Amino acid sequence: MKARKAWAEKLADDKGLPKVIPITGRMSRRWGEGTVVVPAPREVDTLMKRVPQGRVTTINEIRAALARRHGATLGCPLTTGIFAWIAAHTAAEAKAAGRKRVTPYWRTLKAEGELNPKFPGGIPEVRHRLEAEGHRVEPRGRRWFVVDYARRLVTDFA
């Protein structure tokens, strides 16, 4: 039986990415005209690492930065989200192995400042880390959000 890949191996596997492709067919009904960049996993991880303590970003800001970097109309929402998830699990794996500095995945939020329940440790872990950095987190129904996240939002990853 084949051994399961470590998260770090998944993050390092670029699979021929990044690539910019035209928006066609069914994609054009949703996204319009132009091009979409399908990023490499390590590109997403690199942008997540650029968010300093006390600040946050959203997956949409990362997608926009990737699109600018590659001259595309937009960044692929599906692969960018998957690669952020892989980067988060790689960081948790590295932390468990004793590494001190890991990708601060908890600083990458979903749209509108929502915490990502699929990140390692779920809402309790992400909430704890954000509150330890001075953010206020509150529930709205079953979902959790960083209060006034836009005031601490990183949009420029230069």
N, C-alpha and C. Protein backbone atom coordinates (compact mmCIF):
# COMPACT_ATOMS: atom_id res chain seq x y z
N MET A 1 0.83 -1.17 0.00
CA MET A 1 0.00 0.00 0.00
C MET A 1 0.88 1.25 0.00
N LYS A 2 0.51 2.21 -0.81
CA LYS A 2 1.31 3.42 -0.96
C LYS A 2 1.16 4.32 0.27
N ALA A 3 2.28 4.83 0.76
CA ALA A 3 2.27 5.72 1.92
C ALA A 3 1.64 7.06 1.55
N ARG A 4 0.93 7.64 2.49
CA ARG A 4 0.28 8.93 2.27
C ARG A 4 1.34 10.03 2.24
N LYS A 5 1.18 10.97 1.32
CA LYS A 5 2.12 12.08 1.20
C LYS A 5 2.01 13.00 2.42
N ALA A 6 3.14 13.51 2.85
CA ALA A 6 3.14 14.51 3.92
C ALA A 6 2.60 15.82 3.34
N TRP A 7 2.05 16.67 4.20
CA TRP A 7 1.52 17.95 3.73
C TRP A 7 2.60 18.77 3.03
N ALA A 8 3.82 18.72 3.55
CA ALA A 8 4.92 19.48 2.94
C ALA A 8 5.18 19.00 1.52
N GLU A 9 5.05 17.71 1.28
CA GLU A 9 5.22 17.17 -0.08
C GLU A 9 4.11 17.67 -1.01
N LYS A 10 2.90 17.74 -0.50
CA LYS A 10 1.78 18.24 -1.30
C LYS A 10 2.00 19.71 -1.64
N LEU A 11 2.51 20.49 -0.68
CA LEU A 11 2.76 21.91 -0.91
C LEU A 11 3.87 22.10 -1.95
N ALA A 12 4.87 21.24 -1.94
CA ALA A 12 6.01 21.38 -2.85
C ALA A 12 5.71 20.88 -4.27
N ASP A 13 4.63 20.16 -4.45
CA ASP A 13 4.29 19.61 -5.76
C ASP A 13 3.55 20.64 -6.60
N ASP A 14 4.28 21.30 -7.50
CA ASP A 14 3.68 22.37 -8.30
C ASP A 14 2.81 21.88 -9.45
N LYS A 15 2.93 20.64 -9.85
CA LYS A 15 2.09 20.06 -10.91
C LYS A 15 2.05 20.93 -12.17
N GLY A 16 3.16 21.54 -12.53
CA GLY A 16 3.21 22.37 -13.73
C GLY A 16 2.55 23.72 -13.59
N LEU A 17 2.27 24.12 -12.38
CA LEU A 17 1.64 25.42 -12.12
C LEU A 17 2.69 26.44 -11.73
N PRO A 18 2.44 27.70 -11.86
CA PRO A 18 1.19 28.35 -12.23
C PRO A 18 0.97 28.34 -13.74
N LYS A 19 -0.30 28.55 -14.10
CA LYS A 19 -0.61 28.75 -15.50
C LYS A 19 -1.82 29.68 -15.61
N VAL A 20 -1.79 30.47 -16.67
CA VAL A 20 -2.88 31.40 -16.94
C VAL A 20 -3.66 30.83 -18.12
N ILE A 21 -4.96 30.69 -17.95
CA ILE A 21 -5.79 30.11 -19.00
C ILE A 21 -6.96 31.05 -19.31
N PRO A 22 -7.43 31.02 -20.54
CA PRO A 22 -8.58 31.86 -20.89
C PRO A 22 -9.85 31.37 -20.20
N ILE A 23 -10.72 32.31 -19.88
CA ILE A 23 -12.02 31.97 -19.32
C ILE A 23 -12.94 31.64 -20.49
N THR A 24 -13.42 30.40 -20.53
CA THR A 24 -14.27 29.96 -21.65
C THR A 24 -15.44 29.15 -21.13
N GLY A 25 -16.36 28.87 -22.01
CA GLY A 25 -17.47 27.96 -21.73
C GLY A 25 -18.26 28.33 -20.49
N ARG A 26 -18.50 27.34 -19.64
CA ARG A 26 -19.30 27.55 -18.43
C ARG A 26 -18.65 28.53 -17.47
N MET A 27 -17.32 28.58 -17.48
CA MET A 27 -16.64 29.54 -16.60
C MET A 27 -17.02 30.97 -16.93
N SER A 28 -17.22 31.27 -18.22
CA SER A 28 -17.50 32.64 -18.64
C SER A 28 -18.86 33.12 -18.14
N ARG A 29 -19.80 32.22 -17.96
CA ARG A 29 -21.11 32.62 -17.42
C ARG A 29 -20.96 33.14 -15.99
N ARG A 30 -20.04 32.58 -15.27
CA ARG A 30 -19.85 32.97 -13.86
C ARG A 30 -18.85 34.11 -13.72
N TRP A 31 -17.76 34.07 -14.47
CA TRP A 31 -16.65 35.00 -14.28
C TRP A 31 -16.52 36.05 -15.37
N GLY A 32 -17.25 35.92 -16.46
CA GLY A 32 -17.12 36.89 -17.54
C GLY A 32 -15.98 36.53 -18.47
N GLU A 33 -15.40 37.55 -19.09
CA GLU A 33 -14.32 37.33 -20.05
C GLU A 33 -12.97 37.62 -19.41
N GLY A 34 -11.93 37.08 -20.04
CA GLY A 34 -10.57 37.35 -19.58
C GLY A 34 -9.79 36.08 -19.36
N THR A 35 -8.92 36.13 -18.35
CA THR A 35 -8.08 34.98 -18.03
C THR A 35 -8.12 34.70 -16.53
N VAL A 36 -7.80 33.47 -16.18
CA VAL A 36 -7.74 33.07 -14.78
C VAL A 36 -6.37 32.43 -14.54
N VAL A 37 -5.75 32.80 -13.41
CA VAL A 37 -4.49 32.18 -13.05
C VAL A 37 -4.78 31.04 -12.07
N VAL A 38 -4.21 29.88 -12.39
CA VAL A 38 -4.23 28.74 -11.49
C VAL A 38 -2.85 28.75 -10.84
N PRO A 39 -2.78 29.17 -9.56
CA PRO A 39 -1.47 29.37 -8.94
C PRO A 39 -0.79 28.05 -8.56
N ALA A 40 0.48 28.15 -8.26
CA ALA A 40 1.21 27.04 -7.68
C ALA A 40 0.96 27.06 -6.16
N PRO A 41 0.94 25.90 -5.53
CA PRO A 41 0.70 25.88 -4.08
C PRO A 41 1.66 26.75 -3.28
N ARG A 42 2.94 26.74 -3.66
CA ARG A 42 3.92 27.53 -2.90
C ARG A 42 3.72 29.03 -3.06
N GLU A 43 3.11 29.47 -4.17
CA GLU A 43 2.81 30.89 -4.33
C GLU A 43 1.79 31.34 -3.29
N VAL A 44 0.78 30.52 -3.07
CA VAL A 44 -0.24 30.84 -2.08
C VAL A 44 0.40 30.88 -0.69
N ASP A 45 1.22 29.89 -0.39
CA ASP A 45 1.92 29.83 0.90
C ASP A 45 2.80 31.06 1.11
N THR A 46 3.51 31.47 0.08
CA THR A 46 4.38 32.65 0.18
C THR A 46 3.59 33.90 0.53
N LEU A 47 2.44 34.09 -0.09
CA LEU A 47 1.62 35.27 0.21
C LEU A 47 1.07 35.18 1.64
N MET A 48 0.67 34.00 2.07
CA MET A 48 0.17 33.84 3.43
C MET A 48 1.26 34.18 4.46
N LYS A 49 2.50 33.88 4.14
CA LYS A 49 3.62 34.17 5.05
C LYS A 49 3.89 35.66 5.18
N ARG A 50 3.42 36.46 4.23
CA ARG A 50 3.69 37.90 4.23
C ARG A 50 2.73 38.71 5.10
N VAL A 51 1.80 38.05 5.74
CA VAL A 51 0.84 38.76 6.60
C VAL A 51 1.45 38.84 8.00
N PRO A 52 1.79 40.06 8.44
CA PRO A 52 2.47 40.20 9.73
C PRO A 52 1.52 40.01 10.92
N GLN A 53 2.12 39.79 12.07
CA GLN A 53 1.36 39.63 13.31
C GLN A 53 0.49 40.87 13.53
N GLY A 54 -0.74 40.64 13.96
CA GLY A 54 -1.67 41.73 14.21
C GLY A 54 -2.46 42.16 12.98
N ARG A 55 -2.15 41.59 11.83
CA ARG A 55 -2.86 41.91 10.58
C ARG A 55 -3.51 40.64 10.05
N VAL A 56 -4.41 40.81 9.11
CA VAL A 56 -5.10 39.68 8.48
C VAL A 56 -5.22 39.94 6.99
N THR A 57 -5.57 38.91 6.26
CA THR A 57 -5.92 39.04 4.85
C THR A 57 -7.07 38.08 4.58
N THR A 58 -7.62 38.14 3.39
CA THR A 58 -8.67 37.20 3.01
C THR A 58 -8.18 36.41 1.79
N ILE A 59 -8.83 35.31 1.56
CA ILE A 59 -8.50 34.50 0.39
C ILE A 59 -8.74 35.31 -0.88
N ASN A 60 -9.72 36.21 -0.86
CA ASN A 60 -9.98 37.05 -2.04
C ASN A 60 -8.85 38.02 -2.30
N GLU A 61 -8.23 38.56 -1.26
CA GLU A 61 -7.07 39.44 -1.44
C GLU A 61 -5.89 38.66 -2.02
N ILE A 62 -5.71 37.44 -1.58
CA ILE A 62 -4.65 36.59 -2.12
C ILE A 62 -4.92 36.31 -3.60
N ARG A 63 -6.16 36.00 -3.94
CA ARG A 63 -6.52 35.75 -5.34
C ARG A 63 -6.25 36.98 -6.21
N ALA A 64 -6.59 38.16 -5.70
CA ALA A 64 -6.37 39.40 -6.46
C ALA A 64 -4.88 39.64 -6.65
N ALA A 65 -4.08 39.38 -5.62
CA ALA A 65 -2.63 39.57 -5.73
C ALA A 65 -2.03 38.60 -6.76
N LEU A 66 -2.51 37.37 -6.77
CA LEU A 66 -2.04 36.38 -7.75
C LEU A 66 -2.40 36.81 -9.17
N ALA A 67 -3.61 37.31 -9.35
CA ALA A 67 -4.04 37.77 -10.67
C ALA A 67 -3.16 38.92 -11.14
N ARG A 68 -2.88 39.88 -10.25
CA ARG A 68 -2.00 41.01 -10.62
C ARG A 68 -0.61 40.50 -10.99
N ARG A 69 -0.08 39.60 -10.20
CA ARG A 69 1.26 39.07 -10.43
C ARG A 69 1.39 38.40 -11.80
N HIS A 70 0.33 37.75 -12.24
CA HIS A 70 0.38 36.98 -13.49
C HIS A 70 -0.33 37.68 -14.65
N GLY A 71 -0.80 38.91 -14.43
CA GLY A 71 -1.48 39.64 -15.49
C GLY A 71 -2.78 38.99 -15.91
N ALA A 72 -3.45 38.33 -14.98
CA ALA A 72 -4.72 37.65 -15.26
C ALA A 72 -5.89 38.50 -14.77
N THR A 73 -7.06 38.19 -15.24
CA THR A 73 -8.26 38.88 -14.81
C THR A 73 -8.61 38.51 -13.37
N LEU A 74 -8.42 37.24 -13.02
CA LEU A 74 -8.71 36.81 -11.66
C LEU A 74 -7.89 35.60 -11.29
N GLY A 75 -7.84 35.35 -9.97
CA GLY A 75 -7.18 34.16 -9.45
C GLY A 75 -8.23 33.08 -9.22
N CYS A 76 -7.91 31.87 -9.52
CA CYS A 76 -8.85 30.76 -9.40
C CYS A 76 -9.30 30.57 -7.94
N PRO A 77 -10.60 30.70 -7.69
CA PRO A 77 -11.06 30.55 -6.32
C PRO A 77 -10.90 29.14 -5.76
N LEU A 78 -11.13 28.14 -6.57
CA LEU A 78 -11.06 26.76 -6.10
C LEU A 78 -9.64 26.36 -5.72
N THR A 79 -8.70 26.52 -6.64
CA THR A 79 -7.33 26.07 -6.34
C THR A 79 -6.67 26.95 -5.29
N THR A 80 -6.95 28.24 -5.28
CA THR A 80 -6.36 29.11 -4.26
C THR A 80 -6.82 28.68 -2.87
N GLY A 81 -8.10 28.37 -2.74
CA GLY A 81 -8.61 27.90 -1.45
C GLY A 81 -8.01 26.57 -1.04
N ILE A 82 -7.90 25.66 -1.98
CA ILE A 82 -7.30 24.34 -1.69
C ILE A 82 -5.84 24.50 -1.28
N PHE A 83 -5.11 25.36 -1.99
CA PHE A 83 -3.69 25.52 -1.67
C PHE A 83 -3.49 26.24 -0.34
N ALA A 84 -4.40 27.14 0.04
CA ALA A 84 -4.34 27.78 1.37
C ALA A 84 -4.55 26.71 2.45
N TRP A 85 -5.47 25.80 2.19
CA TRP A 85 -5.75 24.71 3.12
C TRP A 85 -4.52 23.79 3.26
N ILE A 86 -3.88 23.50 2.14
CA ILE A 86 -2.66 22.67 2.18
C ILE A 86 -1.55 23.40 2.94
N ALA A 87 -1.40 24.71 2.70
CA ALA A 87 -0.38 25.50 3.41
C ALA A 87 -0.66 25.48 4.92
N ALA A 88 -1.92 25.58 5.31
CA ALA A 88 -2.29 25.55 6.72
C ALA A 88 -1.92 24.22 7.36
N HIS A 89 -2.23 23.14 6.68
CA HIS A 89 -1.92 21.81 7.23
C HIS A 89 -0.41 21.55 7.23
N THR A 90 0.30 22.09 6.26
CA THR A 90 1.76 21.98 6.25
C THR A 90 2.34 22.69 7.47
N ALA A 91 1.79 23.87 7.78
CA ALA A 91 2.25 24.63 8.95
C ALA A 91 1.98 23.86 10.24
N ALA A 92 0.81 23.28 10.36
CA ALA A 92 0.48 22.51 11.56
C ALA A 92 1.38 21.29 11.69
N GLU A 93 1.68 20.65 10.56
CA GLU A 93 2.57 19.50 10.54
C GLU A 93 3.98 19.91 11.00
N ALA A 94 4.45 21.05 10.50
CA ALA A 94 5.78 21.56 10.87
C ALA A 94 5.82 21.94 12.35
N LYS A 95 4.76 22.56 12.84
CA LYS A 95 4.68 22.95 14.25
C LYS A 95 4.73 21.71 15.14
N ALA A 96 4.01 20.67 14.76
CA ALA A 96 4.00 19.42 15.51
C ALA A 96 5.38 18.76 15.52
N ALA A 97 6.16 19.01 14.48
CA ALA A 97 7.52 18.46 14.39
C ALA A 97 8.54 19.32 15.13
N GLY A 98 8.07 20.42 15.74
CA GLY A 98 8.97 21.25 16.55
C GLY A 98 9.45 22.53 15.91
N ARG A 99 9.04 22.81 14.68
CA ARG A 99 9.45 24.07 14.04
C ARG A 99 8.78 25.24 14.74
N LYS A 100 9.55 26.29 14.96
CA LYS A 100 9.03 27.48 15.65
C LYS A 100 8.31 28.42 14.70
N ARG A 101 8.88 28.65 13.51
CA ARG A 101 8.30 29.59 12.55
C ARG A 101 7.59 28.82 11.45
N VAL A 102 6.29 29.04 11.37
CA VAL A 102 5.47 28.38 10.36
C VAL A 102 4.58 29.42 9.69
N THR A 103 3.99 29.06 8.58
CA THR A 103 3.05 29.94 7.88
C THR A 103 1.90 30.28 8.83
N PRO A 104 1.64 31.57 9.05
CA PRO A 104 0.56 31.97 9.96
C PRO A 104 -0.82 31.87 9.29
N TYR A 105 -1.25 30.67 9.07
CA TYR A 105 -2.48 30.41 8.32
C TYR A 105 -3.72 31.04 8.97
N TRP A 106 -3.72 31.19 10.28
CA TRP A 106 -4.87 31.74 10.98
C TRP A 106 -5.14 33.19 10.60
N ARG A 107 -4.17 33.86 9.99
CA ARG A 107 -4.35 35.25 9.55
C ARG A 107 -5.01 35.34 8.18
N THR A 108 -5.23 34.22 7.52
CA THR A 108 -5.92 34.21 6.24
C THR A 108 -7.38 33.84 6.48
N LEU A 109 -8.26 34.79 6.21
CA LEU A 109 -9.68 34.64 6.48
C LEU A 109 -10.44 34.36 5.19
N LYS A 110 -11.66 33.91 5.37
CA LYS A 110 -12.56 33.78 4.24
C LYS A 110 -13.14 35.17 3.95
N ALA A 111 -14.04 35.26 3.00
CA ALA A 111 -14.66 36.54 2.63
C ALA A 111 -15.34 37.18 3.85
N GLU A 112 -15.32 38.50 3.88
CA GLU A 112 -15.97 39.28 4.94
C GLU A 112 -15.38 39.05 6.33
N GLY A 113 -14.17 38.51 6.39
CA GLY A 113 -13.50 38.34 7.68
C GLY A 113 -13.88 37.09 8.44
N GLU A 114 -14.46 36.11 7.76
CA GLU A 114 -14.90 34.88 8.42
C GLU A 114 -13.71 33.95 8.68
N LEU A 115 -13.70 33.34 9.86
CA LEU A 115 -12.69 32.34 10.19
C LEU A 115 -12.94 31.08 9.38
N ASN A 116 -11.86 30.40 9.00
CA ASN A 116 -11.98 29.19 8.19
C ASN A 116 -12.06 27.96 9.10
N PRO A 117 -13.22 27.32 9.19
CA PRO A 117 -13.35 26.16 10.08
C PRO A 117 -12.60 24.93 9.60
N LYS A 118 -12.11 24.94 8.35
CA LYS A 118 -11.39 23.78 7.81
C LYS A 118 -9.88 23.85 8.07
N PHE A 119 -9.42 24.95 8.65
CA PHE A 119 -8.01 25.05 8.99
C PHE A 119 -7.73 24.17 10.22
N PRO A 120 -6.47 23.76 10.41
CA PRO A 120 -6.12 22.89 11.54
C PRO A 120 -6.62 23.44 12.88
N GLY A 121 -7.22 22.57 13.66
CA GLY A 121 -7.75 22.98 14.96
C GLY A 121 -9.13 23.59 14.90
N GLY A 122 -9.61 23.83 13.68
CA GLY A 122 -10.94 24.39 13.51
C GLY A 122 -11.07 25.78 14.10
N ILE A 123 -12.29 26.19 14.33
CA ILE A 123 -12.58 27.53 14.86
C ILE A 123 -11.89 27.78 16.21
N PRO A 124 -11.90 26.83 17.16
CA PRO A 124 -11.26 27.12 18.45
C PRO A 124 -9.78 27.51 18.32
N GLU A 125 -9.04 26.78 17.50
CA GLU A 125 -7.60 27.08 17.34
C GLU A 125 -7.38 28.39 16.61
N VAL A 126 -8.08 28.61 15.51
CA VAL A 126 -7.92 29.84 14.74
C VAL A 126 -8.33 31.04 15.59
N ARG A 127 -9.43 30.92 16.28
CA ARG A 127 -9.92 32.00 17.17
C ARG A 127 -8.88 32.33 18.25
N HIS A 128 -8.37 31.30 18.89
CA HIS A 128 -7.37 31.49 19.95
C HIS A 128 -6.15 32.25 19.43
N ARG A 129 -5.64 31.84 18.28
CA ARG A 129 -4.45 32.49 17.71
C ARG A 129 -4.73 33.94 17.32
N LEU A 130 -5.89 34.20 16.74
CA LEU A 130 -6.23 35.58 16.35
C LEU A 130 -6.41 36.46 17.58
N GLU A 131 -7.08 35.97 18.59
CA GLU A 131 -7.28 36.75 19.81
C GLU A 131 -5.96 37.00 20.52
N ALA A 132 -5.04 36.04 20.45
CA ALA A 132 -3.71 36.23 21.05
C ALA A 132 -2.93 37.35 20.36
N GLU A 133 -3.30 37.65 19.10
CA GLU A 133 -2.64 38.73 18.36
C GLU A 133 -3.42 40.04 18.44
N GLY A 134 -4.44 40.08 19.30
CA GLY A 134 -5.17 41.33 19.53
C GLY A 134 -6.43 41.54 18.72
N HIS A 135 -6.86 40.54 17.97
CA HIS A 135 -8.11 40.66 17.20
C HIS A 135 -9.29 40.28 18.08
N ARG A 136 -10.42 40.91 17.82
CA ARG A 136 -11.66 40.54 18.49
C ARG A 136 -12.45 39.66 17.53
N VAL A 137 -12.89 38.52 18.02
CA VAL A 137 -13.60 37.55 17.20
C VAL A 137 -14.98 37.33 17.83
N GLU A 138 -16.01 37.31 16.97
CA GLU A 138 -17.36 37.10 17.50
C GLU A 138 -18.18 36.22 16.56
N PRO A 139 -19.16 35.53 17.16
CA PRO A 139 -20.02 34.67 16.33
C PRO A 139 -21.13 35.48 15.67
N ARG A 140 -21.53 35.03 14.50
CA ARG A 140 -22.74 35.51 13.82
C ARG A 140 -23.45 34.25 13.37
N GLY A 141 -24.41 33.84 14.15
CA GLY A 141 -25.04 32.56 13.90
C GLY A 141 -24.05 31.45 14.23
N ARG A 142 -23.84 30.57 13.28
CA ARG A 142 -22.89 29.46 13.50
C ARG A 142 -21.49 29.78 13.00
N ARG A 143 -21.31 30.92 12.39
CA ARG A 143 -20.01 31.30 11.83
C ARG A 143 -19.33 32.33 12.72
N TRP A 144 -17.99 32.42 12.60
CA TRP A 144 -17.19 33.33 13.42
C TRP A 144 -16.46 34.31 12.52
N PHE A 145 -16.35 35.56 12.97
CA PHE A 145 -15.76 36.64 12.18
C PHE A 145 -14.82 37.48 13.03
N VAL A 146 -13.80 38.05 12.37
CA VAL A 146 -12.93 39.04 13.01
C VAL A 146 -13.65 40.38 12.91
N VAL A 147 -13.84 41.02 14.06
CA VAL A 147 -14.52 42.31 14.12
C VAL A 147 -13.60 43.37 13.49
N ASP A 148 -14.14 44.20 12.63
CA ASP A 148 -13.39 45.28 11.97
C ASP A 148 -12.13 44.76 11.26
N TYR A 149 -12.24 43.59 10.65
CA TYR A 149 -11.08 43.00 9.98
C TYR A 149 -10.51 43.92 8.91
N ALA A 150 -11.37 44.71 8.26
CA ALA A 150 -10.92 45.56 7.15
C ALA A 150 -9.91 46.61 7.60
N ARG A 151 -9.94 46.99 8.85
CA ARG A 151 -8.98 47.99 9.36
C ARG A 151 -7.56 47.42 9.44
N ARG A 152 -7.44 46.11 9.52
CA ARG A 152 -6.13 45.45 9.64
C ARG A 152 -5.81 44.58 8.43
N LEU A 153 -6.47 44.86 7.33
CA LEU A 153 -6.37 44.02 6.15
C LEU A 153 -5.11 44.30 5.34
N VAL A 154 -4.38 43.25 5.00
CA VAL A 154 -3.24 43.35 4.11
C VAL A 154 -3.76 43.11 2.69
N THR A 155 -3.52 44.09 1.82
CA THR A 155 -3.95 43.96 0.42
C THR A 155 -2.77 44.01 -0.53
N ASP A 156 -1.66 44.55 -0.07
CA ASP A 156 -0.47 44.69 -0.91
C ASP A 156 0.59 43.70 -0.42
N PHE A 157 0.91 42.74 -1.22
CA PHE A 157 1.86 41.70 -0.82
C PHE A 157 3.25 41.92 -1.40
N ALA A 158 3.54 43.12 -1.86
CA ALA A 158 4.83 43.42 -2.51
C ALA A 158 6.00 43.20 -1.60
